[in-house]
Amino acid sequence: MMPKPDQRQDEENLVPVSALQHYLFCPRQCALIHIEQQWAENGATVEGRLLHERVDSGVPDRKRGVRTLRTLPIRSFALGIYGKADAVELHGTGSTLIPYPVEYKRGSPKPHHADEVQLCAQALCLEEMFGCAVSEGALFYDRPHRRTTVQFDQDLRDLTQKTAQKVQDMLAAGKTPQPVWNKGCKHCSLEAICQPRRLEKPLCVEKWFLENLED
């Protein structure tokens, strides 16, 4: 069960919203980044960074009556997470003002739900901060360069809460999982650090001695 807001000791125990996305892509990648402070870039991460540099101006704007806040700091003590939302549109006026998160992503929609969970985590932060229900948001992919609407239904909320708890438990334990190679590893910028093919199976000490010390 998730702890209640008043059970949180302080903001130092919060984990980054981005860690939830990393965890669903690969728990070991999440640990390498958030426990071991490892990072490496490839073409995909550079494209993503450049996309966010264009988006993250930090300057609010208003178009067609909708005000947009950029790089908005967010947090939820209930979930134990914090971060920054790429863009939060404010729909409605006065007491009917509803925040609408928009997350920008490189590439196209993915078969996994990591991006949806990251967006839902932002929505749950906004619900706690604004004191209102946030029923939907959008993921904007640069290919095909359009929005995909995401409904924050109960299944997605449950997955987000469970993922937040798993990330908190893993980071608190400070233990990096063993690698498990899969076809997604070739898209990971940390593959050279992770070395999933070489480290997936534990090294056989007896075999190593026989191969290296038999002479």
N, C-alpha and C. Protein backbone atom coordinates (compact mmCIF):
# COMPACT_ATOMS: atom_id res chain seq x y z
N MET A 1 0.85 -1.20 0.00
CA MET A 1 0.00 0.00 0.00
C MET A 1 0.88 1.24 0.00
N MET A 2 0.52 2.23 -0.85
CA MET A 2 1.30 3.46 -0.91
C MET A 2 1.11 4.26 0.37
N PRO A 3 2.18 4.84 0.92
CA PRO A 3 2.04 5.65 2.13
C PRO A 3 1.26 6.92 1.88
N LYS A 4 0.58 7.42 2.88
CA LYS A 4 -0.17 8.64 2.76
C LYS A 4 0.78 9.82 2.77
N PRO A 5 0.32 10.98 2.22
CA PRO A 5 1.22 12.14 2.13
C PRO A 5 1.87 12.51 3.44
N ASP A 6 1.11 12.48 4.55
CA ASP A 6 1.69 12.91 5.81
C ASP A 6 2.64 11.90 6.41
N GLN A 7 2.78 10.73 5.76
CA GLN A 7 3.73 9.73 6.24
C GLN A 7 5.10 9.93 5.59
N ARG A 8 5.16 10.78 4.61
CA ARG A 8 6.44 11.05 3.96
C ARG A 8 7.31 11.90 4.88
N GLN A 9 8.58 11.53 5.03
CA GLN A 9 9.43 12.29 5.93
C GLN A 9 9.82 13.62 5.31
N ASP A 10 10.29 13.63 4.11
CA ASP A 10 10.70 14.87 3.48
C ASP A 10 10.90 14.63 1.99
N GLU A 11 11.20 15.71 1.29
CA GLU A 11 11.32 15.60 -0.16
C GLU A 11 12.55 14.82 -0.60
N GLU A 12 13.49 14.59 0.30
CA GLU A 12 14.69 13.85 -0.07
C GLU A 12 14.38 12.40 -0.44
N ASN A 13 13.22 11.91 -0.02
CA ASN A 13 12.86 10.52 -0.32
C ASN A 13 12.15 10.37 -1.66
N LEU A 14 11.86 11.49 -2.33
CA LEU A 14 11.18 11.39 -3.62
C LEU A 14 12.12 10.87 -4.69
N VAL A 15 11.57 10.13 -5.66
CA VAL A 15 12.37 9.61 -6.77
C VAL A 15 11.92 10.31 -8.05
N PRO A 16 12.81 10.43 -9.05
CA PRO A 16 12.45 11.15 -10.27
C PRO A 16 11.34 10.45 -11.06
N VAL A 17 10.44 11.23 -11.62
CA VAL A 17 9.40 10.67 -12.49
C VAL A 17 10.02 9.91 -13.66
N SER A 18 11.13 10.43 -14.19
CA SER A 18 11.78 9.77 -15.34
C SER A 18 12.24 8.36 -15.00
N ALA A 19 12.49 8.09 -13.69
CA ALA A 19 12.96 6.76 -13.30
C ALA A 19 11.88 5.71 -13.57
N LEU A 20 10.61 6.10 -13.52
CA LEU A 20 9.54 5.14 -13.79
C LEU A 20 9.60 4.69 -15.25
N GLN A 21 9.86 5.65 -16.16
CA GLN A 21 9.99 5.32 -17.58
C GLN A 21 11.20 4.43 -17.80
N HIS A 22 12.31 4.77 -17.15
CA HIS A 22 13.52 3.95 -17.27
C HIS A 22 13.28 2.54 -16.74
N TYR A 23 12.58 2.42 -15.62
CA TYR A 23 12.36 1.11 -14.99
C TYR A 23 11.54 0.19 -15.90
N LEU A 24 10.50 0.74 -16.52
CA LEU A 24 9.66 -0.10 -17.38
C LEU A 24 10.38 -0.50 -18.66
N PHE A 25 11.30 0.36 -19.12
CA PHE A 25 12.13 -0.03 -20.27
C PHE A 25 13.09 -1.12 -19.86
N CYS A 26 13.72 -0.96 -18.68
CA CYS A 26 14.67 -1.95 -18.18
C CYS A 26 15.06 -1.59 -16.74
N PRO A 27 14.76 -2.45 -15.76
CA PRO A 27 15.12 -2.15 -14.37
C PRO A 27 16.62 -1.92 -14.18
N ARG A 28 17.45 -2.67 -14.94
CA ARG A 28 18.90 -2.48 -14.80
C ARG A 28 19.33 -1.11 -15.34
N GLN A 29 18.73 -0.67 -16.45
CA GLN A 29 19.05 0.67 -16.96
C GLN A 29 18.69 1.71 -15.91
N CYS A 30 17.52 1.55 -15.27
CA CYS A 30 17.07 2.48 -14.23
C CYS A 30 18.10 2.53 -13.08
N ALA A 31 18.57 1.36 -12.67
CA ALA A 31 19.54 1.32 -11.56
C ALA A 31 20.88 1.93 -11.97
N LEU A 32 21.33 1.65 -13.19
CA LEU A 32 22.61 2.21 -13.64
C LEU A 32 22.55 3.74 -13.63
N ILE A 33 21.40 4.29 -14.03
CA ILE A 33 21.28 5.75 -14.09
C ILE A 33 21.09 6.35 -12.70
N HIS A 34 20.16 5.78 -11.93
CA HIS A 34 19.73 6.45 -10.70
C HIS A 34 20.44 5.94 -9.43
N ILE A 35 21.09 4.79 -9.50
CA ILE A 35 21.88 4.32 -8.35
C ILE A 35 23.37 4.54 -8.61
N GLU A 36 23.84 4.11 -9.79
CA GLU A 36 25.27 4.19 -10.08
C GLU A 36 25.66 5.49 -10.78
N GLN A 37 24.65 6.33 -11.10
CA GLN A 37 24.92 7.64 -11.74
C GLN A 37 25.69 7.49 -13.05
N GLN A 38 25.36 6.44 -13.81
CA GLN A 38 26.00 6.20 -15.10
C GLN A 38 25.17 6.84 -16.21
N TRP A 39 25.84 7.30 -17.25
CA TRP A 39 25.12 7.86 -18.39
C TRP A 39 26.01 7.81 -19.62
N ALA A 40 25.42 7.58 -20.74
CA ALA A 40 26.12 7.62 -22.03
C ALA A 40 25.10 8.00 -23.08
N GLU A 41 25.57 8.64 -24.12
CA GLU A 41 24.65 9.08 -25.17
C GLU A 41 24.88 8.30 -26.46
N ASN A 42 23.81 8.11 -27.18
CA ASN A 42 23.89 7.60 -28.55
C ASN A 42 23.04 8.54 -29.43
N GLY A 43 22.84 8.17 -30.66
CA GLY A 43 22.09 9.03 -31.56
C GLY A 43 20.69 9.32 -31.06
N ALA A 44 20.03 8.32 -30.46
CA ALA A 44 18.66 8.50 -29.99
C ALA A 44 18.58 9.48 -28.82
N THR A 45 19.52 9.36 -27.86
CA THR A 45 19.48 10.27 -26.71
C THR A 45 19.82 11.70 -27.13
N VAL A 46 20.73 11.85 -28.10
CA VAL A 46 21.06 13.19 -28.58
C VAL A 46 19.84 13.82 -29.25
N GLU A 47 19.14 13.02 -30.08
CA GLU A 47 17.93 13.54 -30.73
C GLU A 47 16.89 13.94 -29.68
N GLY A 48 16.73 13.11 -28.64
CA GLY A 48 15.77 13.42 -27.58
C GLY A 48 16.16 14.67 -26.82
N ARG A 49 17.47 14.82 -26.55
CA ARG A 49 17.92 16.01 -25.81
C ARG A 49 17.68 17.27 -26.64
N LEU A 50 17.97 17.21 -27.93
CA LEU A 50 17.76 18.38 -28.78
C LEU A 50 16.28 18.72 -28.88
N LEU A 51 15.41 17.67 -28.92
CA LEU A 51 13.97 17.91 -28.97
C LEU A 51 13.52 18.66 -27.72
N HIS A 52 14.01 18.21 -26.55
CA HIS A 52 13.59 18.86 -25.31
C HIS A 52 14.20 20.24 -25.16
N GLU A 53 15.37 20.48 -25.71
CA GLU A 53 15.94 21.82 -25.65
C GLU A 53 15.08 22.80 -26.42
N ARG A 54 14.45 22.33 -27.51
CA ARG A 54 13.57 23.20 -28.27
C ARG A 54 12.27 23.44 -27.52
N VAL A 55 11.80 22.39 -26.80
CA VAL A 55 10.51 22.47 -26.11
C VAL A 55 10.63 23.19 -24.78
N ASP A 56 11.75 22.92 -24.05
CA ASP A 56 11.88 23.38 -22.68
C ASP A 56 12.36 24.83 -22.60
N SER A 57 11.63 25.74 -23.18
CA SER A 57 12.03 27.14 -23.12
C SER A 57 11.78 27.72 -21.74
N GLY A 58 10.84 27.12 -21.00
CA GLY A 58 10.50 27.65 -19.68
C GLY A 58 9.62 28.88 -19.75
N VAL A 59 9.28 29.34 -20.95
CA VAL A 59 8.46 30.55 -21.12
C VAL A 59 7.01 30.15 -21.36
N PRO A 60 6.07 30.58 -20.49
CA PRO A 60 4.66 30.26 -20.73
C PRO A 60 4.14 30.99 -21.96
N ASP A 61 3.14 30.40 -22.62
CA ASP A 61 2.54 31.08 -23.76
C ASP A 61 1.04 30.81 -23.76
N ARG A 62 0.34 31.51 -24.61
CA ARG A 62 -1.12 31.36 -24.71
C ARG A 62 -1.50 31.33 -26.17
N LYS A 63 -2.18 30.26 -26.60
CA LYS A 63 -2.65 30.13 -27.97
C LYS A 63 -4.10 29.65 -27.93
N ARG A 64 -4.92 30.30 -28.72
CA ARG A 64 -6.35 29.96 -28.81
C ARG A 64 -6.99 29.85 -27.43
N GLY A 65 -6.59 30.77 -26.53
CA GLY A 65 -7.19 30.83 -25.20
C GLY A 65 -6.67 29.82 -24.20
N VAL A 66 -5.67 29.00 -24.60
CA VAL A 66 -5.12 28.00 -23.68
C VAL A 66 -3.72 28.43 -23.26
N ARG A 67 -3.52 28.63 -21.97
CA ARG A 67 -2.20 29.00 -21.46
C ARG A 67 -1.37 27.73 -21.25
N THR A 68 -0.10 27.77 -21.64
CA THR A 68 0.78 26.61 -21.50
C THR A 68 1.97 26.96 -20.61
N LEU A 69 2.16 26.15 -19.55
CA LEU A 69 3.31 26.29 -18.66
C LEU A 69 4.36 25.29 -19.10
N ARG A 70 5.62 25.70 -19.18
CA ARG A 70 6.68 24.82 -19.67
C ARG A 70 7.71 24.53 -18.57
N THR A 71 8.26 23.31 -18.63
CA THR A 71 9.22 22.81 -17.63
C THR A 71 8.71 23.11 -16.22
N LEU A 72 7.46 22.74 -15.98
CA LEU A 72 6.82 23.00 -14.69
C LEU A 72 7.29 21.99 -13.63
N PRO A 73 7.87 22.45 -12.52
CA PRO A 73 8.25 21.51 -11.44
C PRO A 73 7.00 20.85 -10.86
N ILE A 74 7.05 19.54 -10.68
CA ILE A 74 5.90 18.80 -10.16
C ILE A 74 6.38 17.83 -9.09
N ARG A 75 5.46 17.42 -8.20
CA ARG A 75 5.80 16.39 -7.22
C ARG A 75 4.53 15.82 -6.63
N SER A 76 4.65 14.60 -6.12
CA SER A 76 3.54 13.94 -5.42
C SER A 76 4.12 13.23 -4.21
N PHE A 77 3.72 13.66 -3.02
CA PHE A 77 4.16 12.96 -1.82
C PHE A 77 3.45 11.62 -1.70
N ALA A 78 2.24 11.52 -2.24
CA ALA A 78 1.50 10.26 -2.17
C ALA A 78 2.22 9.17 -2.95
N LEU A 79 2.75 9.53 -4.12
CA LEU A 79 3.48 8.56 -4.94
C LEU A 79 4.96 8.54 -4.62
N GLY A 80 5.47 9.59 -3.99
CA GLY A 80 6.89 9.68 -3.69
C GLY A 80 7.73 10.00 -4.91
N ILE A 81 7.24 10.89 -5.77
CA ILE A 81 7.94 11.20 -7.02
C ILE A 81 8.01 12.72 -7.22
N TYR A 82 8.98 13.13 -8.05
CA TYR A 82 9.10 14.54 -8.41
C TYR A 82 9.70 14.63 -9.80
N GLY A 83 9.61 15.82 -10.40
CA GLY A 83 10.21 15.98 -11.72
C GLY A 83 9.79 17.29 -12.34
N LYS A 84 9.86 17.35 -13.67
CA LYS A 84 9.41 18.52 -14.42
C LYS A 84 8.56 18.04 -15.59
N ALA A 85 7.44 18.71 -15.79
CA ALA A 85 6.57 18.39 -16.92
C ALA A 85 7.00 19.24 -18.11
N ASP A 86 7.16 18.61 -19.28
CA ASP A 86 7.55 19.37 -20.48
C ASP A 86 6.61 20.54 -20.70
N ALA A 87 5.32 20.25 -20.73
CA ALA A 87 4.31 21.30 -20.95
C ALA A 87 3.02 20.91 -20.22
N VAL A 88 2.40 21.90 -19.59
CA VAL A 88 1.10 21.69 -18.95
C VAL A 88 0.16 22.78 -19.44
N GLU A 89 -0.84 22.36 -20.21
CA GLU A 89 -1.84 23.31 -20.69
C GLU A 89 -2.90 23.49 -19.61
N LEU A 90 -3.39 24.71 -19.47
CA LEU A 90 -4.44 24.99 -18.49
C LEU A 90 -5.74 25.22 -19.25
N HIS A 91 -6.61 24.22 -19.18
CA HIS A 91 -7.90 24.29 -19.87
C HIS A 91 -8.96 24.81 -18.92
N GLY A 92 -9.88 25.65 -19.44
CA GLY A 92 -10.95 26.19 -18.61
C GLY A 92 -10.51 27.48 -17.94
N THR A 93 -11.33 27.97 -17.03
CA THR A 93 -11.03 29.22 -16.32
C THR A 93 -11.47 29.09 -14.87
N GLY A 94 -10.86 29.91 -14.02
CA GLY A 94 -11.28 30.00 -12.62
C GLY A 94 -11.32 28.66 -11.92
N SER A 95 -12.46 28.36 -11.29
CA SER A 95 -12.59 27.12 -10.53
C SER A 95 -12.66 25.88 -11.42
N THR A 96 -12.87 26.09 -12.73
CA THR A 96 -12.94 24.94 -13.66
C THR A 96 -11.60 24.69 -14.35
N LEU A 97 -10.53 25.35 -13.90
CA LEU A 97 -9.22 25.21 -14.53
C LEU A 97 -8.69 23.78 -14.34
N ILE A 98 -8.39 23.12 -15.45
CA ILE A 98 -7.91 21.74 -15.41
C ILE A 98 -6.55 21.65 -16.10
N PRO A 99 -5.51 21.15 -15.41
CA PRO A 99 -4.21 20.98 -16.07
C PRO A 99 -4.22 19.79 -17.02
N TYR A 100 -3.51 19.95 -18.15
CA TYR A 100 -3.48 18.92 -19.19
C TYR A 100 -2.02 18.72 -19.58
N PRO A 101 -1.37 17.63 -19.08
CA PRO A 101 0.06 17.45 -19.34
C PRO A 101 0.32 16.96 -20.77
N VAL A 102 1.40 17.48 -21.35
CA VAL A 102 1.85 17.05 -22.68
C VAL A 102 3.34 16.72 -22.59
N GLU A 103 3.70 15.48 -22.89
CA GLU A 103 5.09 15.04 -22.83
C GLU A 103 5.61 14.84 -24.25
N TYR A 104 6.79 15.37 -24.53
CA TYR A 104 7.38 15.28 -25.87
C TYR A 104 8.36 14.11 -25.93
N LYS A 105 8.23 13.30 -26.99
CA LYS A 105 9.07 12.11 -27.12
C LYS A 105 9.68 12.02 -28.51
N ARG A 106 10.93 11.56 -28.54
CA ARG A 106 11.57 11.29 -29.83
C ARG A 106 10.98 10.02 -30.43
N GLY A 107 10.96 9.94 -31.73
CA GLY A 107 10.53 8.71 -32.38
C GLY A 107 9.03 8.58 -32.47
N SER A 108 8.55 7.33 -32.48
CA SER A 108 7.14 7.03 -32.67
C SER A 108 6.60 6.28 -31.44
N PRO A 109 5.27 6.13 -31.33
CA PRO A 109 4.69 5.40 -30.19
C PRO A 109 5.29 4.01 -30.05
N LYS A 110 5.52 3.60 -28.79
CA LYS A 110 6.18 2.33 -28.48
C LYS A 110 5.15 1.27 -28.08
N PRO A 111 5.48 -0.03 -28.24
CA PRO A 111 4.56 -1.08 -27.83
C PRO A 111 4.43 -1.22 -26.31
N HIS A 112 5.47 -0.79 -25.57
CA HIS A 112 5.38 -0.87 -24.11
C HIS A 112 4.63 0.37 -23.57
N HIS A 113 4.40 0.42 -22.26
CA HIS A 113 3.62 1.50 -21.67
C HIS A 113 4.48 2.46 -20.85
N ALA A 114 5.78 2.47 -21.08
CA ALA A 114 6.66 3.31 -20.26
C ALA A 114 6.33 4.80 -20.43
N ASP A 115 6.09 5.22 -21.68
CA ASP A 115 5.78 6.64 -21.90
C ASP A 115 4.44 7.01 -21.28
N GLU A 116 3.46 6.11 -21.40
CA GLU A 116 2.14 6.38 -20.82
C GLU A 116 2.23 6.49 -19.29
N VAL A 117 3.04 5.62 -18.67
CA VAL A 117 3.20 5.66 -17.22
C VAL A 117 3.87 6.97 -16.79
N GLN A 118 4.90 7.39 -17.54
CA GLN A 118 5.57 8.66 -17.20
C GLN A 118 4.56 9.82 -17.25
N LEU A 119 3.71 9.82 -18.28
CA LEU A 119 2.71 10.89 -18.41
C LEU A 119 1.67 10.79 -17.30
N CYS A 120 1.23 9.57 -16.98
CA CYS A 120 0.24 9.38 -15.91
C CYS A 120 0.82 9.83 -14.56
N ALA A 121 2.11 9.56 -14.34
CA ALA A 121 2.76 10.01 -13.10
C ALA A 121 2.71 11.54 -13.00
N GLN A 122 2.92 12.22 -14.14
CA GLN A 122 2.80 13.67 -14.14
C GLN A 122 1.38 14.10 -13.80
N ALA A 123 0.40 13.39 -14.35
CA ALA A 123 -1.01 13.73 -14.08
C ALA A 123 -1.34 13.55 -12.59
N LEU A 124 -0.83 12.48 -11.98
CA LEU A 124 -1.10 12.26 -10.56
C LEU A 124 -0.43 13.34 -9.71
N CYS A 125 0.74 13.80 -10.12
CA CYS A 125 1.38 14.93 -9.44
C CYS A 125 0.49 16.18 -9.54
N LEU A 126 -0.01 16.44 -10.76
CA LEU A 126 -0.83 17.63 -10.97
C LEU A 126 -2.14 17.55 -10.18
N GLU A 127 -2.72 16.35 -10.08
CA GLU A 127 -3.94 16.18 -9.28
C GLU A 127 -3.69 16.57 -7.83
N GLU A 128 -2.53 16.12 -7.31
CA GLU A 128 -2.21 16.43 -5.91
C GLU A 128 -1.91 17.92 -5.73
N MET A 129 -1.24 18.52 -6.72
CA MET A 129 -0.84 19.93 -6.60
C MET A 129 -2.02 20.87 -6.82
N PHE A 130 -2.89 20.53 -7.81
CA PHE A 130 -4.00 21.43 -8.16
C PHE A 130 -5.28 21.07 -7.42
N GLY A 131 -5.33 19.88 -6.82
CA GLY A 131 -6.54 19.47 -6.10
C GLY A 131 -7.72 19.21 -7.01
N CYS A 132 -7.46 18.67 -8.19
CA CYS A 132 -8.55 18.38 -9.13
C CYS A 132 -8.23 17.10 -9.89
N ALA A 133 -9.25 16.54 -10.55
CA ALA A 133 -9.04 15.33 -11.33
C ALA A 133 -8.45 15.68 -12.69
N VAL A 134 -7.47 14.87 -13.13
CA VAL A 134 -6.87 15.02 -14.46
C VAL A 134 -7.14 13.72 -15.21
N SER A 135 -8.04 13.76 -16.16
CA SER A 135 -8.51 12.53 -16.79
C SER A 135 -7.72 12.14 -18.03
N GLU A 136 -7.04 13.12 -18.69
CA GLU A 136 -6.29 12.78 -19.89
C GLU A 136 -5.16 13.76 -20.15
N GLY A 137 -4.21 13.33 -20.97
CA GLY A 137 -3.10 14.16 -21.40
C GLY A 137 -2.68 13.70 -22.78
N ALA A 138 -1.48 14.07 -23.21
CA ALA A 138 -1.06 13.69 -24.56
C ALA A 138 0.44 13.47 -24.63
N LEU A 139 0.83 12.51 -25.47
CA LEU A 139 2.23 12.29 -25.83
C LEU A 139 2.42 12.84 -27.24
N PHE A 140 3.44 13.69 -27.40
CA PHE A 140 3.72 14.23 -28.72
C PHE A 140 5.00 13.58 -29.24
N TYR A 141 4.87 12.76 -30.29
CA TYR A 141 6.04 12.11 -30.89
C TYR A 141 6.47 12.89 -32.12
N ASP A 142 7.81 13.02 -32.29
CA ASP A 142 8.28 13.78 -33.46
C ASP A 142 8.12 12.99 -34.75
N ARG A 143 7.85 11.71 -34.63
CA ARG A 143 7.45 10.91 -35.79
C ARG A 143 6.24 10.08 -35.35
N PRO A 144 5.05 10.39 -35.82
CA PRO A 144 4.67 11.16 -37.02
C PRO A 144 4.36 12.63 -36.76
N HIS A 145 4.97 13.23 -35.75
CA HIS A 145 4.82 14.65 -35.47
C HIS A 145 3.37 15.02 -35.17
N ARG A 146 2.79 14.27 -34.27
CA ARG A 146 1.44 14.62 -33.82
C ARG A 146 1.20 14.03 -32.44
N ARG A 147 0.11 14.46 -31.83
CA ARG A 147 -0.20 14.02 -30.47
C ARG A 147 -0.94 12.68 -30.45
N THR A 148 -0.68 11.92 -29.39
CA THR A 148 -1.47 10.74 -29.09
C THR A 148 -2.13 10.97 -27.73
N THR A 149 -3.45 10.98 -27.72
CA THR A 149 -4.17 11.22 -26.46
C THR A 149 -4.08 10.00 -25.55
N VAL A 150 -3.84 10.24 -24.26
CA VAL A 150 -3.74 9.15 -23.28
C VAL A 150 -4.80 9.36 -22.20
N GLN A 151 -5.66 8.36 -22.02
CA GLN A 151 -6.67 8.41 -20.96
C GLN A 151 -6.07 7.79 -19.68
N PHE A 152 -6.21 8.50 -18.58
CA PHE A 152 -5.66 8.01 -17.31
C PHE A 152 -6.71 7.14 -16.61
N ASP A 153 -6.92 5.94 -17.16
CA ASP A 153 -7.92 5.04 -16.56
C ASP A 153 -7.31 4.32 -15.35
N GLN A 154 -8.12 3.51 -14.69
CA GLN A 154 -7.68 2.90 -13.43
C GLN A 154 -6.53 1.92 -13.65
N ASP A 155 -6.55 1.19 -14.78
CA ASP A 155 -5.45 0.26 -15.04
C ASP A 155 -4.11 0.99 -15.16
N LEU A 156 -4.10 2.13 -15.87
CA LEU A 156 -2.86 2.89 -16.02
C LEU A 156 -2.44 3.52 -14.70
N ARG A 157 -3.40 3.99 -13.92
CA ARG A 157 -3.08 4.55 -12.60
C ARG A 157 -2.49 3.47 -11.68
N ASP A 158 -3.07 2.27 -11.72
CA ASP A 158 -2.54 1.18 -10.88
C ASP A 158 -1.12 0.81 -11.30
N LEU A 159 -0.88 0.72 -12.62
CA LEU A 159 0.46 0.39 -13.11
C LEU A 159 1.46 1.47 -12.71
N THR A 160 1.04 2.72 -12.76
CA THR A 160 1.92 3.83 -12.37
C THR A 160 2.28 3.76 -10.90
N GLN A 161 1.28 3.49 -10.06
CA GLN A 161 1.53 3.41 -8.61
C GLN A 161 2.43 2.23 -8.28
N LYS A 162 2.20 1.08 -8.91
CA LYS A 162 3.03 -0.10 -8.65
C LYS A 162 4.46 0.14 -9.12
N THR A 163 4.61 0.80 -10.27
CA THR A 163 5.96 1.08 -10.78
C THR A 163 6.69 2.04 -9.87
N ALA A 164 6.00 3.07 -9.38
CA ALA A 164 6.63 4.02 -8.46
C ALA A 164 7.13 3.31 -7.21
N GLN A 165 6.33 2.38 -6.70
CA GLN A 165 6.73 1.66 -5.50
C GLN A 165 7.94 0.76 -5.76
N LYS A 166 7.95 0.09 -6.94
CA LYS A 166 9.09 -0.77 -7.29
C LYS A 166 10.37 0.03 -7.43
N VAL A 167 10.26 1.21 -8.04
CA VAL A 167 11.44 2.07 -8.20
C VAL A 167 11.95 2.53 -6.83
N GLN A 168 11.03 2.94 -5.97
CA GLN A 168 11.45 3.37 -4.63
C GLN A 168 12.14 2.24 -3.88
N ASP A 169 11.58 1.04 -3.98
CA ASP A 169 12.18 -0.11 -3.28
C ASP A 169 13.58 -0.41 -3.82
N MET A 170 13.72 -0.35 -5.16
CA MET A 170 15.01 -0.67 -5.76
C MET A 170 16.06 0.38 -5.41
N LEU A 171 15.69 1.65 -5.48
CA LEU A 171 16.65 2.70 -5.18
C LEU A 171 17.02 2.68 -3.69
N ALA A 172 16.05 2.37 -2.82
CA ALA A 172 16.33 2.30 -1.39
C ALA A 172 17.29 1.15 -1.08
N ALA A 173 17.12 0.03 -1.82
CA ALA A 173 18.01 -1.12 -1.61
C ALA A 173 19.40 -0.86 -2.18
N GLY A 174 19.47 0.02 -3.18
CA GLY A 174 20.77 0.36 -3.77
C GLY A 174 21.44 -0.79 -4.49
N LYS A 175 20.66 -1.71 -5.02
CA LYS A 175 21.22 -2.89 -5.68
C LYS A 175 20.83 -2.89 -7.16
N THR A 176 21.83 -2.99 -8.03
CA THR A 176 21.59 -3.02 -9.47
C THR A 176 21.27 -4.45 -9.92
N PRO A 177 20.15 -4.66 -10.61
CA PRO A 177 19.80 -6.03 -11.07
C PRO A 177 20.82 -6.56 -12.08
N GLN A 178 20.88 -7.88 -12.17
CA GLN A 178 21.72 -8.52 -13.17
C GLN A 178 21.14 -8.25 -14.56
N PRO A 179 21.98 -8.20 -15.59
CA PRO A 179 21.48 -7.93 -16.94
C PRO A 179 20.73 -9.13 -17.52
N VAL A 180 19.75 -8.84 -18.32
CA VAL A 180 19.03 -9.85 -19.11
C VAL A 180 18.97 -9.32 -20.53
N TRP A 181 19.75 -9.93 -21.43
CA TRP A 181 19.82 -9.40 -22.79
C TRP A 181 18.50 -9.63 -23.53
N ASN A 182 18.07 -8.61 -24.28
CA ASN A 182 16.94 -8.76 -25.19
C ASN A 182 17.17 -7.82 -26.37
N LYS A 183 16.33 -7.90 -27.39
CA LYS A 183 16.56 -7.12 -28.60
C LYS A 183 16.49 -5.62 -28.35
N GLY A 184 15.86 -5.21 -27.23
CA GLY A 184 15.80 -3.79 -26.91
C GLY A 184 17.15 -3.23 -26.47
N CYS A 185 18.09 -4.13 -26.08
CA CYS A 185 19.39 -3.67 -25.59
C CYS A 185 20.15 -2.90 -26.67
N LYS A 186 19.95 -3.26 -27.94
CA LYS A 186 20.70 -2.60 -29.01
C LYS A 186 20.28 -1.14 -29.18
N HIS A 187 19.14 -0.76 -28.58
CA HIS A 187 18.69 0.63 -28.65
C HIS A 187 19.09 1.42 -27.40
N CYS A 188 19.71 0.75 -26.42
CA CYS A 188 20.04 1.39 -25.14
C CYS A 188 21.42 2.04 -25.22
N SER A 189 21.51 3.30 -24.83
CA SER A 189 22.80 4.01 -24.88
C SER A 189 23.78 3.46 -23.84
N LEU A 190 23.27 2.73 -22.85
CA LEU A 190 24.13 2.21 -21.79
C LEU A 190 24.60 0.77 -22.05
N GLU A 191 24.39 0.25 -23.27
CA GLU A 191 24.73 -1.15 -23.53
C GLU A 191 26.21 -1.43 -23.27
N ALA A 192 27.09 -0.50 -23.64
CA ALA A 192 28.52 -0.72 -23.44
C ALA A 192 28.88 -0.77 -21.96
N ILE A 193 28.16 -0.02 -21.13
CA ILE A 193 28.40 -0.04 -19.69
C ILE A 193 27.75 -1.27 -19.06
N CYS A 194 26.54 -1.58 -19.51
CA CYS A 194 25.77 -2.71 -18.97
C CYS A 194 26.39 -4.06 -19.34
N GLN A 195 26.83 -4.18 -20.60
CA GLN A 195 27.41 -5.41 -21.13
C GLN A 195 26.50 -6.62 -20.88
N PRO A 196 25.26 -6.57 -21.37
CA PRO A 196 24.30 -7.64 -21.06
C PRO A 196 24.69 -9.00 -21.60
N ARG A 197 25.30 -9.05 -22.81
CA ARG A 197 25.65 -10.37 -23.36
C ARG A 197 26.75 -11.04 -22.53
N ARG A 198 27.74 -10.26 -22.08
CA ARG A 198 28.87 -10.84 -21.35
C ARG A 198 28.53 -11.16 -19.91
N LEU A 199 27.65 -10.33 -19.28
CA LEU A 199 27.39 -10.48 -17.86
C LEU A 199 26.08 -11.17 -17.55
N GLU A 200 25.32 -11.55 -18.60
CA GLU A 200 24.02 -12.16 -18.34
C GLU A 200 24.15 -13.45 -17.55
N LYS A 201 25.16 -14.26 -17.92
CA LYS A 201 25.40 -15.50 -17.20
C LYS A 201 26.58 -15.32 -16.27
N PRO A 202 26.45 -15.76 -15.01
CA PRO A 202 27.55 -15.62 -14.06
C PRO A 202 28.83 -16.29 -14.57
N LEU A 203 29.95 -15.66 -14.32
CA LEU A 203 31.23 -16.19 -14.76
C LEU A 203 31.55 -17.49 -14.02
N CYS A 204 31.90 -18.51 -14.76
CA CYS A 204 32.28 -19.80 -14.17
C CYS A 204 33.75 -19.73 -13.78
N VAL A 205 34.03 -19.65 -12.49
CA VAL A 205 35.41 -19.48 -12.01
C VAL A 205 36.26 -20.71 -12.36
N GLU A 206 35.65 -21.90 -12.21
CA GLU A 206 36.40 -23.12 -12.50
C GLU A 206 36.83 -23.16 -13.97
N LYS A 207 35.89 -22.80 -14.87
CA LYS A 207 36.21 -22.79 -16.30
C LYS A 207 37.28 -21.77 -16.60
N TRP A 208 37.22 -20.59 -15.93
CA TRP A 208 38.22 -19.55 -16.16
C TRP A 208 39.61 -20.03 -15.75
N PHE A 209 39.68 -20.71 -14.60
CA PHE A 209 40.98 -21.22 -14.13
C PHE A 209 41.53 -22.25 -15.11
N LEU A 210 40.64 -23.13 -15.58
CA LEU A 210 41.09 -24.17 -16.51
C LEU A 210 41.60 -23.58 -17.81
N GLU A 211 40.94 -22.52 -18.29
CA GLU A 211 41.33 -21.92 -19.56
C GLU A 211 42.57 -21.05 -19.44
N ASN A 212 42.77 -20.43 -18.27
CA ASN A 212 43.83 -19.44 -18.15
C ASN A 212 45.03 -19.90 -17.34
N LEU A 213 44.86 -20.93 -16.52
CA LEU A 213 45.96 -21.31 -15.65
C LEU A 213 46.45 -22.74 -15.87
N GLU A 214 45.90 -23.41 -16.90
CA GLU A 214 46.29 -24.80 -17.08
C GLU A 214 47.74 -24.95 -17.51
N ASP A 215 48.33 -23.87 -18.07
CA ASP A 215 49.73 -23.94 -18.46
C ASP A 215 50.64 -23.68 -17.27
